[in-house]
Amino acid sequence: MRKLTHSEISEKRISTEHIESASRIPLVILVDNVRSLYNVGSIFRTSDGVMIEKLILAGFTPHPPRKEIEKTALGSTKSVPWEYVKHPVEAIHALKESGYKICCLELTDKSIPHYDIKKTDFPMCLVIGNEITGVAKEVIELCDVGIEIPMFGTKQSLNVAVAYGIAVFELAKICTAKLSLR
């Protein structure tokens, strides 16, 4: 075994010229009131890795252009379709009207493990919330399902960008067995 060179890795990735026409998974991510610019940058970078359909930044979530976001996004703000909306509720209503199932990544009395989502639950909007308070009550009330990442230690939760990474890669696996990148 040997580590691949940057050139070898790049050969397996989609080119920037083809990114806009590439296949994406039917998953929109709504980031509501996440305060850390570095978490937002990390969410962008993970979103690029999964090829989500769109990232919606809402509330007081910072958005590009910001050097702190770019530090962790590493250019993915240009490869991930995104928009900013002030009110997440309006975005949720529009997505519901378009046939999206709304899912929050949150500990609720009815949450299911993140790996129990079914392929029939797509297209989906995954909502992630604030680092301290999580997904807002008014947003949870609009969700069709809640998912959680089982925790086995003493802590109740993970960093929002880490939890997002775990959940979104599992959702991508459930949604589609193989994503065509070319």
C-alpha atoms as a PDB file:
ATOM      1  CA  MET A   1       0.000   0.000   0.000  1.00  0.00           C
ATOM      2  CA  ARG A   2       1.159   3.526  -0.727  1.00  0.00           C
ATOM      3  CA  LYS A   3      -0.316   6.941  -0.309  1.00  0.00           C
ATOM      4  CA  LEU A   4      -1.759   8.407  -3.524  1.00  0.00           C
ATOM      5  CA  THR A   5      -0.250  11.566  -4.939  1.00  0.00           C
ATOM      6  CA  HIS A   6      -2.306  14.705  -5.305  1.00  0.00           C
ATOM      7  CA  SER A   7      -2.380  14.134  -9.094  1.00  0.00           C
ATOM      8  CA  GLU A   8      -3.676  10.570  -8.683  1.00  0.00           C
ATOM      9  CA  ILE A   9      -6.406  11.750  -6.316  1.00  0.00           C
ATOM     10  CA  SER A  10      -7.370  14.603  -8.644  1.00  0.00           C
ATOM     11  CA  GLU A  11      -7.813  12.171 -11.553  1.00  0.00           C
ATOM     12  CA  LYS A  12     -10.639  10.484  -9.609  1.00  0.00           C
ATOM     13  CA  ARG A  13     -12.465  13.741  -8.818  1.00  0.00           C
ATOM     14  CA  ILE A  14     -14.871  15.760 -10.870  1.00  0.00           C
ATOM     15  CA  SER A  15     -13.325  18.769 -12.540  1.00  0.00           C
ATOM     16  CA  THR A  16     -14.393  22.298 -11.710  1.00  0.00           C
ATOM     17  CA  GLU A  17     -15.536  22.678 -15.324  1.00  0.00           C
ATOM     18  CA  HIS A  18     -18.060  19.844 -14.888  1.00  0.00           C
ATOM     19  CA  ILE A  19     -19.257  20.507 -11.337  1.00  0.00           C
ATOM     20  CA  GLU A  20     -22.387  22.459 -12.326  1.00  0.00           C
ATOM     21  CA  SER A  21     -23.701  19.652 -14.536  1.00  0.00           C
ATOM     22  CA  ALA A  22     -22.721  16.803 -12.201  1.00  0.00           C
ATOM     23  CA  SER A  23     -25.222  14.421 -10.623  1.00  0.00           C
ATOM     24  CA  ARG A  24     -26.108  15.346  -7.061  1.00  0.00           C
ATOM     25  CA  ILE A  25     -27.964  13.447  -4.394  1.00  0.00           C
ATOM     26  CA  PRO A  26     -31.526  14.680  -3.678  1.00  0.00           C
ATOM     27  CA  LEU A  27     -30.572  16.183  -0.351  1.00  0.00           C
ATOM     28  CA  VAL A  28     -30.854  19.824   0.658  1.00  0.00           C
ATOM     29  CA  ILE A  29     -29.208  20.898   3.888  1.00  0.00           C
ATOM     30  CA  LEU A  30     -30.676  23.705   5.990  1.00  0.00           C
ATOM     31  CA  VAL A  31     -28.136  25.188   8.418  1.00  0.00           C
ATOM     32  CA  ASP A  32     -30.051  27.221  10.987  1.00  0.00           C
ATOM     33  CA  ASN A  33     -28.340  29.623  13.381  1.00  0.00           C
ATOM     34  CA  VAL A  34     -24.937  27.941  13.418  1.00  0.00           C
ATOM     35  CA  ARG A  35     -22.644  30.605  14.846  1.00  0.00           C
ATOM     36  CA  SER A  36     -19.109  29.379  14.081  1.00  0.00           C
ATOM     37  CA  LEU A  37     -17.631  30.452  10.765  1.00  0.00           C
ATOM     38  CA  TYR A  38     -15.285  27.453  10.953  1.00  0.00           C
ATOM     39  CA  ASN A  39     -18.204  25.059  11.410  1.00  0.00           C
ATOM     40  CA  VAL A  40     -19.878  26.622   8.371  1.00  0.00           C
ATOM     41  CA  GLY A  41     -16.693  26.168   6.336  1.00  0.00           C
ATOM     42  CA  SER A  42     -16.465  22.542   7.428  1.00  0.00           C
ATOM     43  CA  ILE A  43     -20.115  21.993   6.477  1.00  0.00           C
ATOM     44  CA  PHE A  44     -19.384  23.390   3.008  1.00  0.00           C
ATOM     45  CA  ARG A  45     -16.394  21.089   2.575  1.00  0.00           C
ATOM     46  CA  THR A  46     -18.335  18.003   3.701  1.00  0.00           C
ATOM     47  CA  SER A  47     -21.248  19.003   1.440  1.00  0.00           C
ATOM     48  CA  ASP A  48     -18.870  19.069  -1.523  1.00  0.00           C
ATOM     49  CA  GLY A  49     -17.594  15.611  -0.618  1.00  0.00           C
ATOM     50  CA  VAL A  50     -21.119  14.192  -0.661  1.00  0.00           C
ATOM     51  CA  MET A  51     -22.396  16.218  -3.644  1.00  0.00           C
ATOM     52  CA  ILE A  52     -25.544  17.472  -1.953  1.00  0.00           C
ATOM     53  CA  GLU A  53     -28.110  19.305  -4.046  1.00  0.00           C
ATOM     54  CA  LYS A  54     -27.986  22.574  -2.113  1.00  0.00           C
ATOM     55  CA  LEU A  55     -26.970  24.217   1.138  1.00  0.00           C
ATOM     56  CA  ILE A  56     -29.336  26.765   2.670  1.00  0.00           C
ATOM     57  CA  LEU A  57     -27.844  29.005   5.353  1.00  0.00           C
ATOM     58  CA  ALA A  58     -30.464  30.582   7.612  1.00  0.00           C
ATOM     59  CA  GLY A  59     -30.871  32.932  10.545  1.00  0.00           C
ATOM     60  CA  PHE A  60     -27.627  34.308  11.915  1.00  0.00           C
ATOM     61  CA  THR A  61     -25.535  31.614  10.219  1.00  0.00           C
ATOM     62  CA  PRO A  62     -22.583  33.413   8.615  1.00  0.00           C
ATOM     63  CA  HIS A  63     -22.213  33.048   4.870  1.00  0.00           C
ATOM     64  CA  PRO A  64     -19.568  33.661   2.207  1.00  0.00           C
ATOM     65  CA  PRO A  65     -17.584  35.633   1.448  1.00  0.00           C
ATOM     66  CA  ARG A  66     -15.726  35.346   4.765  1.00  0.00           C
ATOM     67  CA  LYS A  67     -12.072  34.394   5.114  1.00  0.00           C
ATOM     68  CA  GLU A  68     -12.846  32.301   8.216  1.00  0.00           C
ATOM     69  CA  ILE A  69     -15.338  30.194   6.234  1.00  0.00           C
ATOM     70  CA  GLU A  70     -12.878  29.802   3.370  1.00  0.00           C
ATOM     71  CA  LYS A  71     -10.145  28.651   5.759  1.00  0.00           C
ATOM     72  CA  THR A  72     -12.024  25.395   6.416  1.00  0.00           C
ATOM     73  CA  ALA A  73     -14.123  25.266   3.226  1.00  0.00           C
ATOM     74  CA  LEU A  74     -11.000  25.174   1.027  1.00  0.00           C
ATOM     75  CA  GLY A  75     -12.825  26.517  -2.042  1.00  0.00           C
ATOM     76  CA  SER A  76     -15.981  24.423  -1.665  1.00  0.00           C
ATOM     77  CA  THR A  77     -18.091  27.582  -1.418  1.00  0.00           C
ATOM     78  CA  LYS A  78     -17.667  27.658  -5.208  1.00  0.00           C
ATOM     79  CA  SER A  79     -18.572  23.995  -5.813  1.00  0.00           C
ATOM     80  CA  VAL A  80     -21.597  23.681  -3.508  1.00  0.00           C
ATOM     81  CA  PRO A  81     -24.797  25.447  -4.574  1.00  0.00           C
ATOM     82  CA  TRP A  82     -25.931  27.606  -1.667  1.00  0.00           C
ATOM     83  CA  GLU A  83     -28.204  30.429  -0.682  1.00  0.00           C
ATOM     84  CA  TYR A  84     -28.928  32.501   2.395  1.00  0.00           C
ATOM     85  CA  VAL A  85     -32.425  32.991   3.820  1.00  0.00           C
ATOM     86  CA  LYS A  86     -33.316  34.961   6.912  1.00  0.00           C
ATOM     87  CA  HIS A  87     -36.206  32.741   8.033  1.00  0.00           C
ATOM     88  CA  PRO A  88     -35.801  28.935   7.908  1.00  0.00           C
ATOM     89  CA  VAL A  89     -39.552  28.361   8.193  1.00  0.00           C
ATOM     90  CA  GLU A  90     -40.180  29.928   4.782  1.00  0.00           C
ATOM     91  CA  ALA A  91     -37.521  27.720   3.193  1.00  0.00           C
ATOM     92  CA  ILE A  92     -39.040  24.632   4.838  1.00  0.00           C
ATOM     93  CA  HIS A  93     -42.519  25.437   3.542  1.00  0.00           C
ATOM     94  CA  ALA A  94     -41.155  25.896   0.003  1.00  0.00           C
ATOM     95  CA  LEU A  95     -39.268  22.588   0.189  1.00  0.00           C
ATOM     96  CA  LYS A  96     -42.351  20.764   1.497  1.00  0.00           C
ATOM     97  CA  GLU A  97     -44.375  22.152  -1.406  1.00  0.00           C
ATOM     98  CA  SER A  98     -41.709  20.754  -3.740  1.00  0.00           C
ATOM     99  CA  GLY A  99     -42.071  17.280  -2.238  1.00  0.00           C
ATOM    100  CA  TYR A 100     -39.132  17.193   0.179  1.00  0.00           C
ATOM    101  CA  LYS A 101     -39.371  15.289   3.453  1.00  0.00           C
ATOM    102  CA  ILE A 102     -38.073  17.503   6.254  1.00  0.00           C
ATOM    103  CA  CYS A 103     -35.711  15.813   8.704  1.00  0.00           C
ATOM    104  CA  CYS A 104     -33.945  17.334  11.687  1.00  0.00           C
ATOM    105  CA  LEU A 105     -30.715  16.055  13.166  1.00  0.00           C
ATOM    106  CA  GLU A 106     -31.763  16.434  16.788  1.00  0.00           C
ATOM    107  CA  LEU A 107     -32.490  14.516  19.954  1.00  0.00           C
ATOM    108  CA  THR A 108     -36.287  14.451  20.248  1.00  0.00           C
ATOM    109  CA  ASP A 109     -38.805  12.129  21.874  1.00  0.00           C
ATOM    110  CA  LYS A 110     -39.440  10.574  18.453  1.00  0.00           C
ATOM    111  CA  SER A 111     -35.968  10.579  16.855  1.00  0.00           C
ATOM    112  CA  ILE A 112     -34.788   7.448  15.110  1.00  0.00           C
ATOM    113  CA  PRO A 113     -31.177   6.377  14.535  1.00  0.00           C
ATOM    114  CA  HIS A 114     -29.643   8.158  11.529  1.00  0.00           C
ATOM    115  CA  TYR A 115     -29.108   4.860   9.723  1.00  0.00           C
ATOM    116  CA  ASP A 116     -32.836   3.936   9.848  1.00  0.00           C
ATOM    117  CA  ILE A 117     -33.846   6.424   7.128  1.00  0.00           C
ATOM    118  CA  LYS A 118     -35.225   4.703   3.996  1.00  0.00           C
ATOM    119  CA  LYS A 119     -34.557   5.425   0.336  1.00  0.00           C
ATOM    120  CA  THR A 120     -38.254   6.343   0.028  1.00  0.00           C
ATOM    121  CA  ASP A 121     -37.611   9.295   2.387  1.00  0.00           C
ATOM    122  CA  PHE A 122     -35.884  11.181  -0.449  1.00  0.00           C
ATOM    123  CA  PRO A 123     -35.840  13.885  -1.683  1.00  0.00           C
ATOM    124  CA  MET A 124     -35.017  15.185   1.780  1.00  0.00           C
ATOM    125  CA  CYS A 125     -34.075  18.370   3.551  1.00  0.00           C
ATOM    126  CA  LEU A 126     -31.817  17.758   6.548  1.00  0.00           C
ATOM    127  CA  VAL A 127     -31.943  20.529   9.148  1.00  0.00           C
ATOM    128  CA  ILE A 128     -29.001  21.105  11.455  1.00  0.00           C
ATOM    129  CA  GLY A 129     -29.050  23.698  14.208  1.00  0.00           C
ATOM    130  CA  ASN A 130     -27.118  25.839  16.621  1.00  0.00           C
ATOM    131  CA  GLU A 131     -24.054  24.509  18.422  1.00  0.00           C
ATOM    132  CA  ILE A 132     -25.599  25.078  21.866  1.00  0.00           C
ATOM    133  CA  THR A 133     -29.387  25.073  21.474  1.00  0.00           C
ATOM    134  CA  GLY A 134     -29.718  22.716  18.495  1.00  0.00           C
ATOM    135  CA  VAL A 135     -32.628  22.887  16.065  1.00  0.00           C
ATOM    136  CA  ALA A 136     -35.232  25.487  17.053  1.00  0.00           C
ATOM    137  CA  LYS A 137     -38.578  24.277  18.441  1.00  0.00           C
ATOM    138  CA  GLU A 138     -40.539  26.039  15.660  1.00  0.00           C
ATOM    139  CA  VAL A 139     -38.443  24.205  13.060  1.00  0.00           C
ATOM    140  CA  ILE A 140     -38.765  20.821  14.789  1.00  0.00           C
ATOM    141  CA  GLU A 141     -42.548  21.218  14.695  1.00  0.00           C
ATOM    142  CA  LEU A 142     -42.367  21.375  10.870  1.00  0.00           C
ATOM    143  CA  CYS A 143     -40.203  18.262  10.535  1.00  0.00           C
ATOM    144  CA  ASP A 144     -41.550  14.952   9.269  1.00  0.00           C
ATOM    145  CA  VAL A 145     -38.859  12.951  11.045  1.00  0.00           C
ATOM    146  CA  GLY A 146     -35.984  13.427  13.452  1.00  0.00           C
ATOM    147  CA  ILE A 147     -32.749  11.495  13.366  1.00  0.00           C
ATOM    148  CA  GLU A 148     -30.057  11.112  15.977  1.00  0.00           C
ATOM    149  CA  ILE A 149     -26.581   9.675  16.195  1.00  0.00           C
ATOM    150  CA  PRO A 150     -26.428   7.155  19.035  1.00  0.00           C
ATOM    151  CA  MET A 151     -23.993   8.290  21.745  1.00  0.00           C
ATOM    152  CA  PHE A 152     -22.337   5.778  24.080  1.00  0.00           C
ATOM    153  CA  GLY A 153     -20.093   7.932  26.284  1.00  0.00           C
ATOM    154  CA  THR A 154     -20.887  10.606  28.832  1.00  0.00           C
ATOM    155  CA  LYS A 155     -21.512  13.424  26.334  1.00  0.00           C
ATOM    156  CA  GLN A 156     -24.945  13.933  24.830  1.00  0.00           C
ATOM    157  CA  SER A 157     -23.926  15.339  21.468  1.00  0.00           C
ATOM    158  CA  LEU A 158     -21.192  15.966  18.922  1.00  0.00           C
ATOM    159  CA  ASN A 159     -19.923  19.159  17.334  1.00  0.00           C
ATOM    160  CA  VAL A 160     -22.463  20.227  14.686  1.00  0.00           C
ATOM    161  CA  ALA A 161     -20.031  19.872  11.773  1.00  0.00           C
ATOM    162  CA  VAL A 162     -18.914  16.431  12.970  1.00  0.00           C
ATOM    163  CA  ALA A 163     -22.503  15.250  13.496  1.00  0.00           C
ATOM    164  CA  TYR A 164     -23.416  16.596  10.062  1.00  0.00           C
ATOM    165  CA  GLY A 165     -20.536  14.669   8.483  1.00  0.00           C
ATOM    166  CA  ILE A 166     -21.626  11.398  10.042  1.00  0.00           C
ATOM    167  CA  ALA A 167     -25.288  11.879   9.157  1.00  0.00           C
ATOM    168  CA  VAL A 168     -24.858  13.173   5.604  1.00  0.00           C
ATOM    169  CA  PHE A 169     -22.542  10.363   4.520  1.00  0.00           C
ATOM    170  CA  GLU A 170     -24.976   7.799   5.934  1.00  0.00           C
ATOM    171  CA  LEU A 171     -27.888   9.518   4.167  1.00  0.00           C
ATOM    172  CA  ALA A 172     -25.907   9.549   0.916  1.00  0.00           C
ATOM    173  CA  LYS A 173     -25.258   5.823   1.271  1.00  0.00           C
ATOM    174  CA  ILE A 174     -28.952   5.153   1.865  1.00  0.00           C
ATOM    175  CA  CYS A 175     -30.102   7.480  -0.910  1.00  0.00           C
ATOM    176  CA  THR A 176     -27.945   6.110  -3.656  1.00  0.00           C
ATOM    177  CA  ALA A 177     -25.601   3.177  -3.926  1.00  0.00           C
ATOM    178  CA  LYS A 178     -23.321   4.856  -6.450  1.00  0.00           C
ATOM    179  CA  LEU A 179     -23.122   8.493  -7.490  1.00  0.00           C
ATOM    180  CA  SER A 180     -21.984   9.183 -11.023  1.00  0.00           C
ATOM    181  CA  LEU A 181     -19.405  11.951 -10.947  1.00  0.00           C
ATOM    182  CA  ARG A 182     -18.626  12.211 -14.632  1.00  0.00           C
END
